[in-house]
Amino acid sequence: MDRRNFLCGAATTGVALCLSWPHATWANAVGWPVGCFNRPWAKWSFDECLKGVKAAGYATVGLLSRTKHDPFIGTDATPDYIDGLKRRIAASGLTANLGSLRLRLAAPLADAIKDVRAQIDNAHTLSLGYVMTFGADNPKDVGPFVKVMADAAAYAQDKGVAVVMKPHGGISGAAAEILKVIKAVDHRNFSIWYDAGNIIHYTGKDPVSELDPIAAHVTGFCAKDCGAVKGDVMTQLGTGKVDFAAVFKRLKSAGFQGPIMLEGSKVGSTAEETTANAKANREFLERALASL
């Protein structure tokens, strides 16, 4: 084969490969994995959610919002349930990457630690890469929270699971509070899953400015928009005040590698309408990431 034919063949093969990849992969200039949390479909069954996430063009699902029928990694999840959940996810053709933690900070410390370890064990069984905490609302809980998270970070590290915290008001409200928690936990397996929409929702502060002091600690990003303090976050990206282009540029300059997970998406009257909204938000993210 001469050089010209080789190059043409390689180009054709490359185009074919790109067209066969999930949209959120090939259109992503920085190579950051893009997935979707289950929250938009939480009022329907998880099987309906899996169907919707797949149809919306995502390859990864996050187990963020537990439901009446799906405790996900919770301590009330039985071994049979966890095994069944793993099979359901595999059958959907999706990969799950994250589960959310529930903390019992009012319980004796030993019990609180045991409870979180059990959730990490469930995450490990499901082959999840991350478990997420939302911090604590009451500043008085920062002491027990730090102790539980320090233990969780060390325990999860041995399981190959990363512990992440996202902005959610209270002790994880914005940069100043987040930095205090990072310093207190003091473990390399404890990092931040940035949520620009929640910065606005809980504090009204600028997500780009609040990102600057903590960017080096960010290992994941929650895609969510918001227009005002206590404003709606289950809305379409680009309709609020989050400057996604500026946030992504700052993350890129800090060496961020992803993943990005969609959480905020308008919930429709049907699962199908919700899926269409999630697809539109995926396309929004593709355009934003393609420009980096």
C-alpha atoms as a PDB file:
ATOM      1  CA  MET A   1       0.000   0.000   0.000  1.00  0.00           C
ATOM      2  CA  ASP A   2       1.404   3.410  -0.988  1.00  0.00           C
ATOM      3  CA  ARG A   3       1.536   6.298   1.466  1.00  0.00           C
ATOM      4  CA  ARG A   4      -1.495   8.095   0.003  1.00  0.00           C
ATOM      5  CA  ASN A   5      -3.731   5.028   0.177  1.00  0.00           C
ATOM      6  CA  PHE A   6      -2.478   4.259   3.677  1.00  0.00           C
ATOM      7  CA  LEU A   7      -3.350   7.759   4.900  1.00  0.00           C
ATOM      8  CA  CYS A   8      -6.760   7.658   3.259  1.00  0.00           C
ATOM      9  CA  GLY A   9      -7.459   4.264   4.775  1.00  0.00           C
ATOM     10  CA  ALA A  10      -6.351   5.453   8.202  1.00  0.00           C
ATOM     11  CA  ALA A  11      -8.531   8.544   7.940  1.00  0.00           C
ATOM     12  CA  THR A  12     -11.553   6.466   6.919  1.00  0.00           C
ATOM     13  CA  THR A  13     -10.958   4.044   9.779  1.00  0.00           C
ATOM     14  CA  GLY A  14     -10.608   6.950  12.211  1.00  0.00           C
ATOM     15  CA  VAL A  15     -13.907   8.462  11.096  1.00  0.00           C
ATOM     16  CA  ALA A  16     -15.620   5.081  11.430  1.00  0.00           C
ATOM     17  CA  LEU A  17     -14.250   4.628  14.937  1.00  0.00           C
ATOM     18  CA  CYS A  18     -15.331   8.121  15.973  1.00  0.00           C
ATOM     19  CA  LEU A  19     -18.837   7.523  14.683  1.00  0.00           C
ATOM     20  CA  SER A  20     -19.064   4.293  16.674  1.00  0.00           C
ATOM     21  CA  TRP A  21     -18.056   5.882  19.974  1.00  0.00           C
ATOM     22  CA  PRO A  22     -20.600   7.418  22.378  1.00  0.00           C
ATOM     23  CA  HIS A  23     -21.239  11.064  21.505  1.00  0.00           C
ATOM     24  CA  ALA A  24     -19.995  12.301  24.873  1.00  0.00           C
ATOM     25  CA  THR A  25     -16.619  10.688  24.117  1.00  0.00           C
ATOM     26  CA  TRP A  26     -15.741  11.579  20.554  1.00  0.00           C
ATOM     27  CA  ALA A  27     -16.988  15.177  20.741  1.00  0.00           C
ATOM     28  CA  ASN A  28     -15.008  15.803  23.937  1.00  0.00           C
ATOM     29  CA  ALA A  29     -11.836  17.705  23.068  1.00  0.00           C
ATOM     30  CA  VAL A  30     -10.267  17.237  26.507  1.00  0.00           C
ATOM     31  CA  GLY A  31     -11.146  13.555  26.861  1.00  0.00           C
ATOM     32  CA  TRP A  32     -13.057  14.004  30.119  1.00  0.00           C
ATOM     33  CA  PRO A  33     -15.527  11.144  30.721  1.00  0.00           C
ATOM     34  CA  VAL A  34     -19.127  12.367  30.691  1.00  0.00           C
ATOM     35  CA  GLY A  35     -21.975  10.512  32.380  1.00  0.00           C
ATOM     36  CA  CYS A  36     -25.320  11.097  34.052  1.00  0.00           C
ATOM     37  CA  PHE A  37     -26.644  10.690  37.583  1.00  0.00           C
ATOM     38  CA  ASN A  38     -29.954   8.914  38.124  1.00  0.00           C
ATOM     39  CA  ARG A  39     -31.613  11.921  39.808  1.00  0.00           C
ATOM     40  CA  PRO A  40     -33.705  13.177  36.833  1.00  0.00           C
ATOM     41  CA  TRP A  41     -35.492   9.789  36.657  1.00  0.00           C
ATOM     42  CA  ALA A  42     -35.801   9.268  40.427  1.00  0.00           C
ATOM     43  CA  LYS A  43     -39.609   9.241  40.366  1.00  0.00           C
ATOM     44  CA  TRP A  44     -39.565   6.333  37.939  1.00  0.00           C
ATOM     45  CA  SER A  45     -38.000   2.901  38.340  1.00  0.00           C
ATOM     46  CA  PHE A  46     -34.236   2.514  38.149  1.00  0.00           C
ATOM     47  CA  ASP A  47     -34.692   0.254  35.140  1.00  0.00           C
ATOM     48  CA  GLU A  48     -36.486   3.139  33.425  1.00  0.00           C
ATOM     49  CA  CYS A  49     -33.577   5.361  34.449  1.00  0.00           C
ATOM     50  CA  LEU A  50     -31.027   2.990  32.928  1.00  0.00           C
ATOM     51  CA  LYS A  51     -33.018   2.945  29.718  1.00  0.00           C
ATOM     52  CA  GLY A  52     -33.178   6.749  29.689  1.00  0.00           C
ATOM     53  CA  VAL A  53     -29.499   7.328  30.428  1.00  0.00           C
ATOM     54  CA  LYS A  54     -28.584   4.962  27.597  1.00  0.00           C
ATOM     55  CA  ALA A  55     -31.043   6.550  25.157  1.00  0.00           C
ATOM     56  CA  ALA A  56     -29.759  10.029  26.036  1.00  0.00           C
ATOM     57  CA  GLY A  57     -26.311   9.005  24.782  1.00  0.00           C
ATOM     58  CA  TYR A  58     -24.414   8.457  28.016  1.00  0.00           C
ATOM     59  CA  ALA A  59     -22.226   5.455  28.777  1.00  0.00           C
ATOM     60  CA  THR A  60     -21.973   5.965  32.549  1.00  0.00           C
ATOM     61  CA  VAL A  61     -24.603   6.247  35.278  1.00  0.00           C
ATOM     62  CA  GLY A  62     -24.133   7.517  38.831  1.00  0.00           C
ATOM     63  CA  LEU A  63     -26.157   6.181  41.781  1.00  0.00           C
ATOM     64  CA  LEU A  64     -26.850   9.527  43.424  1.00  0.00           C
ATOM     65  CA  SER A  65     -30.496   9.641  44.505  1.00  0.00           C
ATOM     66  CA  ARG A  66     -31.734   6.555  46.296  1.00  0.00           C
ATOM     67  CA  THR A  67     -35.420   5.710  45.943  1.00  0.00           C
ATOM     68  CA  LYS A  68     -38.058   3.720  47.803  1.00  0.00           C
ATOM     69  CA  HIS A  69     -37.112   0.590  45.896  1.00  0.00           C
ATOM     70  CA  ASP A  70     -33.390   1.189  45.352  1.00  0.00           C
ATOM     71  CA  PRO A  71     -31.147   1.920  48.360  1.00  0.00           C
ATOM     72  CA  PHE A  72     -28.109   1.547  46.081  1.00  0.00           C
ATOM     73  CA  ILE A  73     -25.055   1.327  48.393  1.00  0.00           C
ATOM     74  CA  GLY A  74     -26.996   2.023  51.601  1.00  0.00           C
ATOM     75  CA  THR A  75     -26.563  -0.215  54.626  1.00  0.00           C
ATOM     76  CA  ASP A  76     -30.137  -1.427  54.155  1.00  0.00           C
ATOM     77  CA  ALA A  77     -29.124  -2.955  50.816  1.00  0.00           C
ATOM     78  CA  THR A  78     -28.999  -6.742  51.118  1.00  0.00           C
ATOM     79  CA  PRO A  79     -26.305  -8.855  49.414  1.00  0.00           C
ATOM     80  CA  ASP A  80     -28.988 -10.237  47.087  1.00  0.00           C
ATOM     81  CA  TYR A  81     -30.063  -6.706  46.172  1.00  0.00           C
ATOM     82  CA  ILE A  82     -26.465  -5.623  45.484  1.00  0.00           C
ATOM     83  CA  ASP A  83     -25.872  -8.678  43.292  1.00  0.00           C
ATOM     84  CA  GLY A  84     -29.091  -8.013  41.413  1.00  0.00           C
ATOM     85  CA  LEU A  85     -28.253  -4.322  41.000  1.00  0.00           C
ATOM     86  CA  LYS A  86     -24.881  -5.207  39.533  1.00  0.00           C
ATOM     87  CA  ARG A  87     -26.556  -7.497  37.015  1.00  0.00           C
ATOM     88  CA  ARG A  88     -29.143  -4.857  36.090  1.00  0.00           C
ATOM     89  CA  ILE A  89     -26.469  -2.268  35.392  1.00  0.00           C
ATOM     90  CA  ALA A  90     -24.397  -4.701  33.334  1.00  0.00           C
ATOM     91  CA  ALA A  91     -27.464  -5.768  31.321  1.00  0.00           C
ATOM     92  CA  SER A  92     -28.194  -2.130  30.477  1.00  0.00           C
ATOM     93  CA  GLY A  93     -24.849  -1.735  28.737  1.00  0.00           C
ATOM     94  CA  LEU A  94     -23.914   1.111  31.091  1.00  0.00           C
ATOM     95  CA  THR A  95     -21.148   1.402  33.671  1.00  0.00           C
ATOM     96  CA  ALA A  96     -21.853   2.785  37.163  1.00  0.00           C
ATOM     97  CA  ASN A  97     -19.143   4.965  38.686  1.00  0.00           C
ATOM     98  CA  LEU A  98     -20.433   6.538  41.928  1.00  0.00           C
ATOM     99  CA  GLY A  99     -22.666   5.965  44.924  1.00  0.00           C
ATOM    100  CA  SER A 100     -23.786   8.523  47.509  1.00  0.00           C
ATOM    101  CA  LEU A 101     -23.123   8.057  51.229  1.00  0.00           C
ATOM    102  CA  ARG A 102     -25.548   8.524  54.086  1.00  0.00           C
ATOM    103  CA  LEU A 103     -23.891   9.564  57.337  1.00  0.00           C
ATOM    104  CA  ARG A 104     -25.084   8.971  60.899  1.00  0.00           C
ATOM    105  CA  LEU A 105     -23.163  11.777  62.565  1.00  0.00           C
ATOM    106  CA  ALA A 106     -25.432  11.783  65.638  1.00  0.00           C
ATOM    107  CA  ALA A 107     -24.598   8.135  66.324  1.00  0.00           C
ATOM    108  CA  PRO A 108     -21.596   7.031  68.438  1.00  0.00           C
ATOM    109  CA  LEU A 109     -18.420   7.473  66.398  1.00  0.00           C
ATOM    110  CA  ALA A 110     -17.709   3.749  66.147  1.00  0.00           C
ATOM    111  CA  ASP A 111     -21.198   3.110  64.762  1.00  0.00           C
ATOM    112  CA  ALA A 112     -20.948   5.980  62.289  1.00  0.00           C
ATOM    113  CA  ILE A 113     -17.619   4.666  61.003  1.00  0.00           C
ATOM    114  CA  LYS A 114     -18.932   1.100  60.748  1.00  0.00           C
ATOM    115  CA  ASP A 115     -21.954   2.329  58.797  1.00  0.00           C
ATOM    116  CA  VAL A 116     -19.846   4.199  56.224  1.00  0.00           C
ATOM    117  CA  ARG A 117     -17.456   1.277  55.841  1.00  0.00           C
ATOM    118  CA  ALA A 118     -20.402  -0.979  54.991  1.00  0.00           C
ATOM    119  CA  GLN A 119     -21.470   1.461  52.270  1.00  0.00           C
ATOM    120  CA  ILE A 120     -17.933   1.511  50.890  1.00  0.00           C
ATOM    121  CA  ASP A 121     -17.980  -2.300  50.836  1.00  0.00           C
ATOM    122  CA  ASN A 122     -21.173  -2.176  48.774  1.00  0.00           C
ATOM    123  CA  ALA A 123     -19.589   0.334  46.401  1.00  0.00           C
ATOM    124  CA  HIS A 124     -16.597  -1.943  46.015  1.00  0.00           C
ATOM    125  CA  THR A 125     -18.838  -4.923  45.237  1.00  0.00           C
ATOM    126  CA  LEU A 126     -20.517  -2.836  42.531  1.00  0.00           C
ATOM    127  CA  SER A 127     -17.085  -1.832  41.151  1.00  0.00           C
ATOM    128  CA  LEU A 128     -17.796   1.864  41.733  1.00  0.00           C
ATOM    129  CA  GLY A 129     -14.846   4.219  41.581  1.00  0.00           C
ATOM    130  CA  TYR A 130     -16.282   6.871  43.910  1.00  0.00           C
ATOM    131  CA  VAL A 131     -18.445   7.381  46.983  1.00  0.00           C
ATOM    132  CA  MET A 132     -19.808  10.868  47.580  1.00  0.00           C
ATOM    133  CA  THR A 133     -20.588  12.791  50.743  1.00  0.00           C
ATOM    134  CA  PHE A 134     -22.513  16.060  50.859  1.00  0.00           C
ATOM    135  CA  GLY A 135     -20.826  17.353  53.999  1.00  0.00           C
ATOM    136  CA  ALA A 136     -23.038  18.369  56.906  1.00  0.00           C
ATOM    137  CA  ASP A 137     -25.560  21.155  57.369  1.00  0.00           C
ATOM    138  CA  ASN A 138     -24.737  21.921  60.999  1.00  0.00           C
ATOM    139  CA  PRO A 139     -21.280  23.393  61.722  1.00  0.00           C
ATOM    140  CA  LYS A 140     -21.391  21.536  65.052  1.00  0.00           C
ATOM    141  CA  ASP A 141     -21.099  18.291  63.100  1.00  0.00           C
ATOM    142  CA  VAL A 142     -17.746  19.162  61.545  1.00  0.00           C
ATOM    143  CA  GLY A 143     -15.836  17.277  64.269  1.00  0.00           C
ATOM    144  CA  PRO A 144     -17.514  13.888  63.832  1.00  0.00           C
ATOM    145  CA  PHE A 145     -17.722  14.428  60.070  1.00  0.00           C
ATOM    146  CA  VAL A 146     -13.961  14.886  59.777  1.00  0.00           C
ATOM    147  CA  LYS A 147     -13.265  11.783  61.882  1.00  0.00           C
ATOM    148  CA  VAL A 148     -15.666   9.646  59.859  1.00  0.00           C
ATOM    149  CA  MET A 149     -14.269  10.922  56.551  1.00  0.00           C
ATOM    150  CA  ALA A 150     -10.645  10.433  57.582  1.00  0.00           C
ATOM    151  CA  ASP A 151     -11.406   6.809  58.382  1.00  0.00           C
ATOM    152  CA  ALA A 152     -13.497   6.426  55.219  1.00  0.00           C
ATOM    153  CA  ALA A 153     -10.728   7.830  53.009  1.00  0.00           C
ATOM    154  CA  ALA A 154      -8.171   5.387  54.376  1.00  0.00           C
ATOM    155  CA  TYR A 155     -10.554   2.415  54.312  1.00  0.00           C
ATOM    156  CA  ALA A 156     -11.806   3.182  50.796  1.00  0.00           C
ATOM    157  CA  GLN A 157      -8.294   3.627  49.472  1.00  0.00           C
ATOM    158  CA  ASP A 158      -7.553  -0.001  50.285  1.00  0.00           C
ATOM    159  CA  LYS A 159     -10.698  -0.922  48.320  1.00  0.00           C
ATOM    160  CA  GLY A 160      -9.755   1.158  45.283  1.00  0.00           C
ATOM    161  CA  VAL A 161     -12.619   3.610  45.918  1.00  0.00           C
ATOM    162  CA  ALA A 162     -12.178   7.400  46.076  1.00  0.00           C
ATOM    163  CA  VAL A 163     -14.065   9.483  48.654  1.00  0.00           C
ATOM    164  CA  VAL A 164     -15.358  12.807  47.316  1.00  0.00           C
ATOM    165  CA  MET A 165     -17.337  15.698  48.784  1.00  0.00           C
ATOM    166  CA  LYS A 166     -19.394  18.142  46.791  1.00  0.00           C
ATOM    167  CA  PRO A 167     -20.563  21.654  47.692  1.00  0.00           C
ATOM    168  CA  HIS A 168     -23.911  21.329  49.419  1.00  0.00           C
ATOM    169  CA  GLY A 169     -24.224  24.191  51.874  1.00  0.00           C
ATOM    170  CA  GLY A 170     -23.238  24.050  55.533  1.00  0.00           C
ATOM    171  CA  ILE A 171     -19.645  22.883  56.032  1.00  0.00           C
ATOM    172  CA  SER A 172     -19.257  22.365  52.272  1.00  0.00           C
ATOM    173  CA  GLY A 173     -20.852  25.653  51.224  1.00  0.00           C
ATOM    174  CA  ALA A 174     -18.047  27.318  49.263  1.00  0.00           C
ATOM    175  CA  ALA A 175     -14.262  27.517  48.974  1.00  0.00           C
ATOM    176  CA  ALA A 176     -13.448  28.754  52.488  1.00  0.00           C
ATOM    177  CA  GLU A 177     -15.500  26.039  54.188  1.00  0.00           C
ATOM    178  CA  ILE A 178     -14.342  23.343  51.771  1.00  0.00           C
ATOM    179  CA  LEU A 179     -10.668  24.152  52.345  1.00  0.00           C
ATOM    180  CA  LYS A 180     -11.154  23.815  56.100  1.00  0.00           C
ATOM    181  CA  VAL A 181     -12.622  20.347  55.640  1.00  0.00           C
ATOM    182  CA  ILE A 182      -9.863  19.266  53.249  1.00  0.00           C
ATOM    183  CA  LYS A 183      -7.207  20.405  55.714  1.00  0.00           C
ATOM    184  CA  ALA A 184      -8.935  18.703  58.655  1.00  0.00           C
ATOM    185  CA  VAL A 185      -9.494  15.350  56.899  1.00  0.00           C
ATOM    186  CA  ASP A 186      -5.930  15.470  55.588  1.00  0.00           C
ATOM    187  CA  HIS A 187      -5.998  12.393  53.376  1.00  0.00           C
ATOM    188  CA  ARG A 188      -5.031  12.100  49.711  1.00  0.00           C
ATOM    189  CA  ASN A 189      -8.047   9.871  49.046  1.00  0.00           C
ATOM    190  CA  PHE A 190     -10.449  12.655  50.022  1.00  0.00           C
ATOM    191  CA  SER A 191     -11.123  15.181  47.269  1.00  0.00           C
ATOM    192  CA  ILE A 192     -13.799  17.509  45.883  1.00  0.00           C
ATOM    193  CA  TRP A 193     -16.530  16.866  43.328  1.00  0.00           C
ATOM    194  CA  TYR A 194     -17.223  20.435  42.257  1.00  0.00           C
ATOM    195  CA  ASP A 195     -20.822  21.564  41.801  1.00  0.00           C
ATOM    196  CA  ALA A 196     -20.979  25.053  40.317  1.00  0.00           C
ATOM    197  CA  GLY A 197     -24.781  25.145  40.428  1.00  0.00           C
ATOM    198  CA  ASN A 198     -24.801  24.386  44.145  1.00  0.00           C
ATOM    199  CA  ILE A 199     -22.356  27.222  44.821  1.00  0.00           C
ATOM    200  CA  ILE A 200     -25.021  29.591  43.503  1.00  0.00           C
ATOM    201  CA  HIS A 201     -27.955  27.720  45.043  1.00  0.00           C
ATOM    202  CA  TYR A 202     -26.536  27.642  48.584  1.00  0.00           C
ATOM    203  CA  THR A 203     -24.322  30.743  48.743  1.00  0.00           C
ATOM    204  CA  GLY A 204     -25.021  33.024  45.783  1.00  0.00           C
ATOM    205  CA  LYS A 205     -21.269  33.276  45.173  1.00  0.00           C
ATOM    206  CA  ASP A 206     -19.485  33.143  41.815  1.00  0.00           C
ATOM    207  CA  PRO A 207     -18.630  29.505  40.957  1.00  0.00           C
ATOM    208  CA  VAL A 208     -15.518  30.517  38.976  1.00  0.00           C
ATOM    209  CA  SER A 209     -14.046  32.592  41.801  1.00  0.00           C
ATOM    210  CA  GLU A 210     -14.911  29.922  44.366  1.00  0.00           C
ATOM    211  CA  LEU A 211     -13.215  27.291  42.221  1.00  0.00           C
ATOM    212  CA  ASP A 212      -9.833  29.040  42.170  1.00  0.00           C
ATOM    213  CA  PRO A 213      -8.699  28.185  45.738  1.00  0.00           C
ATOM    214  CA  ILE A 214      -9.779  24.534  45.520  1.00  0.00           C
ATOM    215  CA  ALA A 215      -9.213  23.637  41.844  1.00  0.00           C
ATOM    216  CA  ALA A 216      -6.194  21.459  42.623  1.00  0.00           C
ATOM    217  CA  HIS A 217      -8.398  19.295  44.870  1.00  0.00           C
ATOM    218  CA  VAL A 218     -11.196  18.739  42.319  1.00  0.00           C
ATOM    219  CA  THR A 219     -11.433  15.217  40.869  1.00  0.00           C
ATOM    220  CA  GLY A 220     -15.001  15.271  39.551  1.00  0.00           C
ATOM    221  CA  PHE A 221     -17.613  17.755  38.341  1.00  0.00           C
ATOM    222  CA  CYS A 222     -21.382  17.813  38.781  1.00  0.00           C
ATOM    223  CA  ALA A 223     -23.059  19.499  35.799  1.00  0.00           C
ATOM    224  CA  LYS A 224     -25.886  21.577  37.184  1.00  0.00           C
ATOM    225  CA  ASP A 225     -27.093  25.128  36.539  1.00  0.00           C
ATOM    226  CA  CYS A 226     -28.854  27.604  38.832  1.00  0.00           C
ATOM    227  CA  GLY A 227     -30.097  31.166  38.494  1.00  0.00           C
ATOM    228  CA  ALA A 228     -30.238  32.412  42.088  1.00  0.00           C
ATOM    229  CA  VAL A 229     -29.892  31.502  45.761  1.00  0.00           C
ATOM    230  CA  LYS A 230     -32.360  28.684  46.474  1.00  0.00           C
ATOM    231  CA  GLY A 231     -33.165  28.650  42.758  1.00  0.00           C
ATOM    232  CA  ASP A 232     -34.140  25.616  40.713  1.00  0.00           C
ATOM    233  CA  VAL A 233     -31.239  23.305  39.884  1.00  0.00           C
ATOM    234  CA  MET A 234     -33.234  20.706  37.965  1.00  0.00           C
ATOM    235  CA  THR A 235     -33.146  22.782  34.835  1.00  0.00           C
ATOM    236  CA  GLN A 236     -31.457  22.871  31.465  1.00  0.00           C
ATOM    237  CA  LEU A 237     -27.771  23.793  31.317  1.00  0.00           C
ATOM    238  CA  GLY A 238     -27.217  27.311  30.026  1.00  0.00           C
ATOM    239  CA  THR A 239     -30.456  28.694  31.490  1.00  0.00           C
ATOM    240  CA  GLY A 240     -28.884  29.825  34.790  1.00  0.00           C
ATOM    241  CA  LYS A 241     -25.845  31.824  35.858  1.00  0.00           C
ATOM    242  CA  VAL A 242     -23.122  29.163  35.701  1.00  0.00           C
ATOM    243  CA  ASP A 243     -20.443  30.109  33.164  1.00  0.00           C
ATOM    244  CA  PHE A 244     -19.576  26.570  32.125  1.00  0.00           C
ATOM    245  CA  ALA A 245     -16.917  27.648  29.621  1.00  0.00           C
ATOM    246  CA  ALA A 246     -15.058  29.616  32.295  1.00  0.00           C
ATOM    247  CA  VAL A 247     -15.407  26.818  34.859  1.00  0.00           C
ATOM    248  CA  PHE A 248     -14.105  24.212  32.415  1.00  0.00           C
ATOM    249  CA  LYS A 249     -11.180  26.397  31.373  1.00  0.00           C
ATOM    250  CA  ARG A 250     -10.188  26.811  35.008  1.00  0.00           C
ATOM    251  CA  LEU A 251     -10.460  23.071  35.616  1.00  0.00           C
ATOM    252  CA  LYS A 252      -8.377  22.362  32.521  1.00  0.00           C
ATOM    253  CA  SER A 253      -5.642  24.732  33.687  1.00  0.00           C
ATOM    254  CA  ALA A 254      -5.557  22.886  37.026  1.00  0.00           C
ATOM    255  CA  GLY A 255      -4.994  19.538  35.294  1.00  0.00           C
ATOM    256  CA  PHE A 256      -8.522  18.191  35.827  1.00  0.00           C
ATOM    257  CA  GLN A 257      -9.126  14.795  34.182  1.00  0.00           C
ATOM    258  CA  GLY A 258     -12.835  14.270  34.823  1.00  0.00           C
ATOM    259  CA  PRO A 259     -15.343  12.764  35.131  1.00  0.00           C
ATOM    260  CA  ILE A 260     -18.261  15.090  34.499  1.00  0.00           C
ATOM    261  CA  MET A 261     -21.679  13.845  35.559  1.00  0.00           C
ATOM    262  CA  LEU A 262     -24.964  15.512  34.656  1.00  0.00           C
ATOM    263  CA  GLU A 263     -27.278  15.980  37.636  1.00  0.00           C
ATOM    264  CA  GLY A 264     -29.356  19.056  36.898  1.00  0.00           C
ATOM    265  CA  SER A 265     -31.807  18.355  34.087  1.00  0.00           C
ATOM    266  CA  LYS A 266     -35.447  19.314  33.685  1.00  0.00           C
ATOM    267  CA  VAL A 267     -37.751  16.536  34.848  1.00  0.00           C
ATOM    268  CA  GLY A 268     -40.510  16.049  32.310  1.00  0.00           C
ATOM    269  CA  SER A 269     -44.030  14.721  32.750  1.00  0.00           C
ATOM    270  CA  THR A 270     -42.830  11.406  31.325  1.00  0.00           C
ATOM    271  CA  ALA A 271     -39.599   9.442  31.477  1.00  0.00           C
ATOM    272  CA  GLU A 272     -39.231   9.909  27.729  1.00  0.00           C
ATOM    273  CA  GLU A 273     -39.477  13.701  28.014  1.00  0.00           C
ATOM    274  CA  THR A 274     -36.908  13.601  30.800  1.00  0.00           C
ATOM    275  CA  THR A 275     -34.620  11.552  28.588  1.00  0.00           C
ATOM    276  CA  ALA A 276     -34.928  14.138  25.795  1.00  0.00           C
ATOM    277  CA  ASN A 277     -33.926  16.881  28.239  1.00  0.00           C
ATOM    278  CA  ALA A 278     -30.925  14.857  29.423  1.00  0.00           C
ATOM    279  CA  LYS A 279     -29.889  14.341  25.806  1.00  0.00           C
ATOM    280  CA  ALA A 280     -30.063  18.094  25.163  1.00  0.00           C
ATOM    281  CA  ASN A 281     -27.870  18.684  28.203  1.00  0.00           C
ATOM    282  CA  ARG A 282     -25.366  16.135  26.942  1.00  0.00           C
ATOM    283  CA  GLU A 283     -25.193  18.049  23.669  1.00  0.00           C
ATOM    284  CA  PHE A 284     -24.673  21.282  25.628  1.00  0.00           C
ATOM    285  CA  LEU A 285     -21.732  19.717  27.440  1.00  0.00           C
ATOM    286  CA  GLU A 286     -20.278  18.399  24.199  1.00  0.00           C
ATOM    287  CA  ARG A 287     -20.294  21.887  22.689  1.00  0.00           C
ATOM    288  CA  ALA A 288     -18.709  23.406  25.792  1.00  0.00           C
ATOM    289  CA  LEU A 289     -15.989  20.760  25.991  1.00  0.00           C
ATOM    290  CA  ALA A 290     -15.283  20.792  22.266  1.00  0.00           C
ATOM    291  CA  SER A 291     -14.280  24.456  22.516  1.00  0.00           C
ATOM    292  CA  LEU A 292     -11.539  23.871  25.120  1.00  0.00           C
END
